Amino acid sequence: LDDAEIERDFIEDLSTLSKHYRFLGGVAHLSPEELVDLCDTDYENKMAFVAVIHDKRNEKQIGVSRYTINQYGDSYEFSVAVADEWQNKGLGTLLMKYLIDYAREQGVTRLYSIDFADNYKMKSLAKGLGMHVETDPNDSKQVIYSLYI
């Protein structure tokens, strides 16, 4: 399996709620182009850390943290997702620590994420990592988590 296929399987295996929180709405699946874009890293403006296990003869993705430079070029939007059966085990925190350390080494000064305000797992993760939280000025149902590094 290539990276895009592994990512596709990971996303398709997420529960409806996990997909809802990860993609800020209802996403059943991503297009091949969207999957390739997610897997395309340049180690500077786009980076990802992926957790995999070996399932039979294939690798199975169980989590990912990633960042992408924003449209203004001044900060980086991050995301993190963990397979439902691996949630609440510290994997999301571990993946984020790798991402934060890498971002710091690259000279990134701010990571941020826009999430639904009722995503309590993300709220807990962000709090544990020392992130600042504010209500999204464009949507009161969303919050922005920021980490200055």
Protein backbone atom coordinates (compact mmCIF):
# COMPACT_ATOMS: atom_id res chain seq x y z
CA LEU A 1 0.00 0.00 0.00
CA ASP A 2 1.20 3.52 -0.72
CA ASP A 3 0.88 6.45 1.70
CA ALA A 4 -2.36 7.74 0.17
CA GLU A 5 -3.98 4.30 0.43
CA ILE A 6 -2.89 3.94 4.05
CA GLU A 7 -4.26 7.44 4.81
CA ARG A 8 -7.53 6.62 3.01
CA ASP A 9 -8.00 3.45 5.06
CA PHE A 10 -7.24 5.37 8.26
CA ILE A 11 -9.82 8.07 7.50
CA GLU A 12 -12.46 5.58 6.38
CA ASP A 13 -12.00 3.61 9.61
CA LEU A 14 -12.59 6.69 11.80
CA SER A 15 -16.00 6.90 13.44
CA THR A 16 -18.50 9.43 12.12
CA LEU A 17 -17.85 11.60 15.18
CA SER A 18 -14.06 11.47 14.76
CA LYS A 19 -14.40 12.44 11.09
CA HIS A 20 -16.78 15.24 12.08
CA TYR A 21 -14.24 16.67 14.51
CA ARG A 22 -11.22 16.11 12.26
CA PHE A 23 -12.74 17.74 9.16
CA LEU A 24 -15.14 20.22 10.84
CA GLY A 25 -18.17 18.59 9.35
CA GLY A 26 -19.46 15.49 7.62
CA VAL A 27 -16.83 13.84 5.45
CA ALA A 28 -17.41 10.27 4.35
CA HIS A 29 -14.23 10.03 2.28
CA LEU A 30 -11.65 12.20 0.57
CA SER A 31 -10.90 12.40 -3.14
CA PRO A 32 -7.67 10.85 -4.44
CA GLU A 33 -6.32 14.38 -4.93
CA GLU A 34 -7.12 15.36 -1.33
CA LEU A 35 -5.42 12.20 -0.06
CA VAL A 36 -2.28 12.88 -2.11
CA ASP A 37 -2.26 16.47 -0.82
CA LEU A 38 -2.51 15.26 2.79
CA CYS A 39 0.42 12.90 2.26
CA ASP A 40 2.57 15.44 0.41
CA THR A 41 5.14 16.86 2.81
CA ASP A 42 8.06 19.11 1.99
CA TYR A 43 9.58 19.03 5.52
CA GLU A 44 9.34 22.83 5.72
CA ASN A 45 5.87 24.22 4.93
CA LYS A 46 4.08 20.86 5.26
CA MET A 47 5.06 18.15 7.71
CA ALA A 48 3.43 15.08 9.21
CA PHE A 49 4.19 12.41 11.78
CA VAL A 50 2.33 9.14 11.34
CA ALA A 51 1.92 6.29 13.83
CA VAL A 52 1.54 2.85 12.26
CA ILE A 53 1.22 -0.72 13.42
CA HIS A 54 1.79 -3.84 11.39
CA ASP A 55 -1.55 -5.50 10.68
CA LYS A 56 -1.09 -8.88 9.02
CA ARG A 57 1.19 -8.05 6.07
CA ASN A 58 0.40 -4.35 5.80
CA GLU A 59 1.06 -1.20 7.74
CA LYS A 60 -2.03 0.27 9.38
CA GLN A 61 -2.09 3.94 10.30
CA ILE A 62 -3.39 4.58 13.82
CA GLY A 63 -2.64 8.28 14.18
CA VAL A 64 -1.23 11.39 12.54
CA SER A 65 -0.21 14.92 13.42
CA ARG A 66 0.56 17.41 10.69
CA TYR A 67 1.01 21.08 9.97
CA THR A 68 0.69 23.26 6.89
CA ILE A 69 1.74 26.86 6.49
CA ASN A 70 -1.25 29.22 6.42
CA GLN A 71 -2.23 31.43 3.49
CA TYR A 72 -0.39 34.43 4.96
CA GLY A 73 2.86 32.56 5.53
CA ASP A 74 3.11 33.66 9.15
CA SER A 75 1.95 30.61 11.11
CA TYR A 76 1.09 26.95 10.67
CA GLU A 77 -2.24 25.19 11.04
CA PHE A 78 -1.99 21.80 12.69
CA SER A 79 -4.27 18.82 12.95
CA VAL A 80 -4.12 15.59 14.87
CA ALA A 81 -6.24 12.47 14.53
CA VAL A 82 -6.08 9.12 16.28
CA ALA A 83 -7.92 5.91 15.39
CA ASP A 84 -10.91 5.47 17.68
CA GLU A 85 -9.58 2.31 19.34
CA TRP A 86 -6.27 4.09 20.11
CA GLN A 87 -7.78 7.26 21.60
CA ASN A 88 -7.26 8.19 25.28
CA LYS A 89 -3.92 6.34 25.40
CA GLY A 90 -1.58 9.32 24.96
CA LEU A 91 -0.91 8.77 21.26
CA GLY A 92 -2.29 12.16 20.18
CA THR A 93 -0.09 13.90 22.75
CA LEU A 94 2.97 11.95 21.62
CA LEU A 95 2.34 12.76 17.95
CA MET A 96 1.86 16.43 18.80
CA LYS A 97 5.08 16.52 20.83
CA TYR A 98 7.00 15.21 17.80
CA LEU A 99 5.32 17.81 15.60
CA ILE A 100 5.96 20.66 18.05
CA ASP A 101 9.63 19.70 18.49
CA TYR A 102 10.10 19.49 14.73
CA ALA A 103 8.33 22.81 14.16
CA ARG A 104 10.54 24.47 16.78
CA GLU A 105 13.67 23.13 15.02
CA GLN A 106 12.36 24.60 11.75
CA GLY A 107 11.90 28.05 13.27
CA VAL A 108 8.10 27.91 13.41
CA THR A 109 6.84 30.35 16.04
CA ARG A 110 3.09 29.60 16.12
CA LEU A 111 0.98 26.50 15.58
CA TYR A 112 -2.80 26.79 15.63
CA SER A 113 -5.88 24.68 15.06
CA ILE A 114 -9.53 25.53 14.50
CA ASP A 115 -11.85 23.05 16.17
CA PHE A 116 -15.44 22.66 17.25
CA ALA A 117 -15.87 24.04 20.77
CA ASP A 118 -17.58 20.81 21.90
CA ASN A 119 -14.58 18.63 20.94
CA TYR A 120 -13.61 17.81 24.51
CA LYS A 121 -10.82 15.41 23.56
CA MET A 122 -9.11 18.17 21.61
CA LYS A 123 -9.73 20.59 24.46
CA SER A 124 -8.00 18.21 26.86
CA LEU A 125 -5.08 17.65 24.48
CA ALA A 126 -4.62 21.37 23.90
CA LYS A 127 -4.75 22.12 27.63
CA GLY A 128 -2.19 19.42 28.34
CA LEU A 129 0.16 20.93 25.76
CA GLY A 130 -0.23 24.43 27.22
CA MET A 131 -2.14 25.93 24.31
CA HIS A 132 -4.02 29.20 24.46
CA VAL A 133 -7.72 28.99 23.49
CA GLU A 134 -10.04 31.67 22.13
CA THR A 135 -13.46 31.65 20.50
CA ASP A 136 -13.25 31.79 16.71
CA PRO A 137 -14.34 35.36 15.81
CA ASN A 138 -15.88 34.00 12.59
CA ASP A 139 -17.88 31.16 14.18
CA SER A 140 -18.95 30.99 17.82
CA LYS A 141 -19.27 27.18 17.59
CA GLN A 142 -15.54 26.93 16.98
CA VAL A 143 -12.40 27.70 18.97
CA ILE A 144 -8.83 28.44 17.96
CA TYR A 145 -6.05 26.70 19.86
CA SER A 146 -2.66 28.40 19.59
CA LEU A 147 0.79 27.40 20.74
CA TYR A 148 3.64 29.88 20.58
CA ILE A 149 6.92 27.97 20.46
